[in-house]
């Protein structure tokens, strides 16, 4: 690996979280991320 595993700090997690979700999402993700209809049983 290029970098050894490490436990991220709260600061690391906040920095990574600001970059997600990306500005451009692939069309295949739209059904999952923007699904606002309740499913019937």
PDB file of N, CA and C in Angstrom:
ATOM      1  N   UNK A   1       0.820  -1.212   0.000  1.00  0.00           N
ATOM      2  CA  UNK A   1       0.000   0.000   0.000  1.00  0.00           C
ATOM      3  C   UNK A   1       0.858   1.269   0.000  1.00  0.00           C
ATOM      4  N   UNK A   2       0.303   2.320  -0.531  1.00  0.00           N
ATOM      5  CA  UNK A   2       1.018   3.593  -0.577  1.00  0.00           C
ATOM      6  C   UNK A   2       1.095   4.248   0.794  1.00  0.00           C
ATOM      7  N   UNK A   3       0.116   3.960   1.641  1.00  0.00           N
ATOM      8  CA  UNK A   3       0.065   4.582   2.963  1.00  0.00           C
ATOM      9  C   UNK A   3      -0.322   3.529   3.989  1.00  0.00           C
ATOM     10  N   UNK A   4       0.326   3.552   5.131  1.00  0.00           N
ATOM     11  CA  UNK A   4      -0.010   2.598   6.181  1.00  0.00           C
ATOM     12  C   UNK A   4      -1.385   2.932   6.761  1.00  0.00           C
ATOM     13  N   UNK A   5      -2.139   1.920   7.197  1.00  0.00           N
ATOM     14  CA  UNK A   5      -3.438   2.180   7.822  1.00  0.00           C
ATOM     15  C   UNK A   5      -3.270   3.018   9.095  1.00  0.00           C
ATOM     16  N   UNK A   6      -4.246   3.880   9.354  1.00  0.00           N
ATOM     17  CA  UNK A   6      -4.208   4.700  10.564  1.00  0.00           C
ATOM     18  C   UNK A   6      -5.633   5.004  10.997  1.00  0.00           C
ATOM     19  N   UNK A   7      -5.796   5.354  12.251  1.00  0.00           N
ATOM     20  CA  UNK A   7      -7.112   5.728  12.760  1.00  0.00           C
ATOM     21  C   UNK A   7      -7.309   7.214  12.485  1.00  0.00           C
ATOM     22  N   UNK A   8      -8.350   7.566  11.712  1.00  0.00           N
ATOM     23  CA  UNK A   8      -8.548   8.973  11.378  1.00  0.00           C
ATOM     24  C   UNK A   8      -9.000   9.776  12.597  1.00  0.00           C
ATOM     25  N   UNK A   9      -8.609  11.031  12.619  1.00  0.00           N
ATOM     26  CA  UNK A   9      -9.061  11.933  13.674  1.00  0.00           C
ATOM     27  C   UNK A   9     -10.404  12.531  13.261  1.00  0.00           C
ATOM     28  N   UNK A  10     -11.044  13.214  14.184  1.00  0.00           N
ATOM     29  CA  UNK A  10     -12.304  13.890  13.866  1.00  0.00           C
ATOM     30  C   UNK A  10     -12.065  14.912  12.754  1.00  0.00           C
ATOM     31  N   UNK A  11     -10.941  15.582  12.809  1.00  0.00           N
ATOM     32  CA  UNK A  11     -10.592  16.566  11.776  1.00  0.00           C
ATOM     33  C   UNK A  11     -10.475  15.895  10.401  1.00  0.00           C
ATOM     34  N   UNK A  12      -9.849  14.724  10.345  1.00  0.00           N
ATOM     35  CA  UNK A  12      -9.728  13.979   9.085  1.00  0.00           C
ATOM     36  C   UNK A  12     -11.107  13.627   8.533  1.00  0.00           C
ATOM     37  N   UNK A  13     -11.990  13.151   9.399  1.00  0.00           N
ATOM     38  CA  UNK A  13     -13.327  12.753   8.960  1.00  0.00           C
ATOM     39  C   UNK A  13     -14.130  13.948   8.452  1.00  0.00           C
ATOM     40  N   UNK A  14     -14.018  15.081   9.124  1.00  0.00           N
ATOM     41  CA  UNK A  14     -14.729  16.282   8.674  1.00  0.00           C
ATOM     42  C   UNK A  14     -14.209  16.753   7.324  1.00  0.00           C
ATOM     43  N   UNK A  15     -12.903  16.720   7.140  1.00  0.00           N
ATOM     44  CA  UNK A  15     -12.333  17.124   5.849  1.00  0.00           C
ATOM     45  C   UNK A  15     -12.807  16.214   4.727  1.00  0.00           C
ATOM     46  N   UNK A  16     -12.830  14.913   4.966  1.00  0.00           N
ATOM     47  CA  UNK A  16     -13.289  13.977   3.939  1.00  0.00           C
ATOM     48  C   UNK A  16     -14.785  14.123   3.696  1.00  0.00           C
ATOM     49  N   UNK A  17     -15.551  14.391   4.740  1.00  0.00           N
ATOM     50  CA  UNK A  17     -16.993  14.532   4.602  1.00  0.00           C
ATOM     51  C   UNK A  17     -17.396  15.743   3.788  1.00  0.00           C
ATOM     52  N   UNK A  18     -16.591  16.789   3.822  1.00  0.00           N
ATOM     53  CA  UNK A  18     -16.909  17.982   3.036  1.00  0.00           C
ATOM     54  C   UNK A  18     -16.848  17.709   1.540  1.00  0.00           C
ATOM     55  N   UNK A  19     -16.096  16.706   1.154  1.00  0.00           N
ATOM     56  CA  UNK A  19     -15.948  16.387  -0.268  1.00  0.00           C
ATOM     57  C   UNK A  19     -17.013  15.420  -0.767  1.00  0.00           C
ATOM     58  N   UNK A  20     -17.906  14.974   0.109  1.00  0.00           N
ATOM     59  CA  UNK A  20     -18.913  14.005  -0.298  1.00  0.00           C
ATOM     60  C   UNK A  20     -20.285  14.561  -0.036  1.00  0.00           C
ATOM     61  N   UNK A  21     -21.297  14.381  -0.858  1.00  0.00           N
ATOM     62  CA  UNK A  21     -21.215  13.688  -2.128  1.00  0.00           C
ATOM     63  C   UNK A  21     -20.548  14.567  -3.179  1.00  0.00           C
ATOM     64  N   UNK A  22     -19.987  13.934  -4.187  1.00  0.00           N
ATOM     65  CA  UNK A  22     -19.339  14.709  -5.242  1.00  0.00           C
ATOM     66  C   UNK A  22     -20.359  15.531  -6.024  1.00  0.00           C
ATOM     67  N   UNK A  23     -19.887  16.563  -6.689  1.00  0.00           N
ATOM     68  CA  UNK A  23     -20.794  17.423  -7.455  1.00  0.00           C
ATOM     69  C   UNK A  23     -21.403  16.693  -8.643  1.00  0.00           C
ATOM     70  N   UNK A  24     -20.710  15.731  -9.181  1.00  0.00           N
ATOM     71  CA  UNK A  24     -21.234  14.978 -10.318  1.00  0.00           C
ATOM     72  C   UNK A  24     -21.433  13.534  -9.900  1.00  0.00           C
ATOM     73  N   UNK A  25     -22.681  13.086  -9.892  1.00  0.00           N
ATOM     74  CA  UNK A  25     -22.984  11.704  -9.547  1.00  0.00           C
ATOM     75  C   UNK A  25     -23.349  10.941 -10.809  1.00  0.00           C
ATOM     76  N   UNK A  26     -22.893   9.714 -10.909  1.00  0.00           N
ATOM     77  CA  UNK A  26     -23.220   8.886 -12.060  1.00  0.00           C
ATOM     78  C   UNK A  26     -24.721   8.623 -12.075  1.00  0.00           C
ATOM     79  N   UNK A  27     -25.308   8.539 -13.253  1.00  0.00           N
ATOM     80  CA  UNK A  27     -26.756   8.346 -13.392  1.00  0.00           C
ATOM     81  C   UNK A  27     -27.259   7.130 -12.631  1.00  0.00           C
ATOM     82  N   UNK A  28     -26.447   6.088 -12.529  1.00  0.00           N
ATOM     83  CA  UNK A  28     -26.891   4.861 -11.875  1.00  0.00           C
ATOM     84  C   UNK A  28     -27.130   5.065 -10.374  1.00  0.00           C
ATOM     85  N   UNK A  29     -26.580   6.120  -9.777  1.00  0.00           N
ATOM     86  CA  UNK A  29     -26.771   6.375  -8.342  1.00  0.00           C
ATOM     87  C   UNK A  29     -28.025   7.182  -8.049  1.00  0.00           C
ATOM     88  N   UNK A  30     -28.581   7.848  -9.041  1.00  0.00           N
ATOM     89  CA  UNK A  30     -29.704   8.748  -8.798  1.00  0.00           C
ATOM     90  C   UNK A  30     -30.905   8.033  -8.194  1.00  0.00           C
ATOM     91  N   UNK A  31     -31.189   6.809  -8.636  1.00  0.00           N
ATOM     92  CA  UNK A  31     -32.337   6.077  -8.112  1.00  0.00           C
ATOM     93  C   UNK A  31     -32.188   5.789  -6.626  1.00  0.00           C
ATOM     94  N   UNK A  32     -30.980   5.600  -6.162  1.00  0.00           N
ATOM     95  CA  UNK A  32     -30.745   5.253  -4.761  1.00  0.00           C
ATOM     96  C   UNK A  32     -30.639   6.487  -3.868  1.00  0.00           C
ATOM     97  N   UNK A  33     -29.989   7.520  -4.335  1.00  0.00           N
ATOM     98  CA  UNK A  33     -29.740   8.682  -3.489  1.00  0.00           C
ATOM     99  C   UNK A  33     -30.929   9.625  -3.390  1.00  0.00           C
ATOM    100  N   UNK A  34     -31.759   9.672  -4.416  1.00  0.00           N
ATOM    101  CA  UNK A  34     -32.864  10.626  -4.418  1.00  0.00           C
ATOM    102  C   UNK A  34     -34.207   9.925  -4.452  1.00  0.00           C
ATOM    103  N   UNK A  35     -34.296   8.771  -3.834  1.00  0.00           N
ATOM    104  CA  UNK A  35     -35.526   8.007  -3.800  1.00  0.00           C
ATOM    105  C   UNK A  35     -36.344   8.503  -2.627  1.00  0.00           C
ATOM    106  N   UNK A  36     -37.435   9.241  -2.896  1.00  0.00           N
ATOM    107  CA  UNK A  36     -38.231   9.809  -1.815  1.00  0.00           C
ATOM    108  C   UNK A  36     -39.638   9.223  -1.757  1.00  0.00           C
ATOM    109  N   UNK A  37     -39.875   8.118  -2.439  1.00  0.00           N
ATOM    110  CA  UNK A  37     -41.186   7.482  -2.450  1.00  0.00           C
ATOM    111  C   UNK A  37     -41.161   6.293  -1.500  1.00  0.00           C
ATOM    112  N   UNK A  38     -42.208   6.188  -0.659  1.00  0.00           N
ATOM    113  CA  UNK A  38     -42.276   5.050   0.249  1.00  0.00           C
ATOM    114  C   UNK A  38     -42.690   3.806  -0.526  1.00  0.00           C
ATOM    115  N   UNK A  39     -42.100   2.686  -0.175  1.00  0.00           N
ATOM    116  CA  UNK A  39     -42.421   1.429  -0.833  1.00  0.00           C
ATOM    117  C   UNK A  39     -43.679   0.819  -0.233  1.00  0.00           C
ATOM    118  N   UNK A  40     -44.458   0.185  -1.080  1.00  0.00           N
ATOM    119  CA  UNK A  40     -45.647  -0.513  -0.592  1.00  0.00           C
ATOM    120  C   UNK A  40     -45.222  -1.868  -0.046  1.00  0.00           C
ATOM    121  N   UNK A  41     -45.901  -2.346   1.029  1.00  0.00           N
ATOM    122  CA  UNK A  41     -45.523  -3.657   1.602  1.00  0.00           C
ATOM    123  C   UNK A  41     -45.838  -4.814   0.684  1.00  0.00           C
TER     124      UNK A  41
END
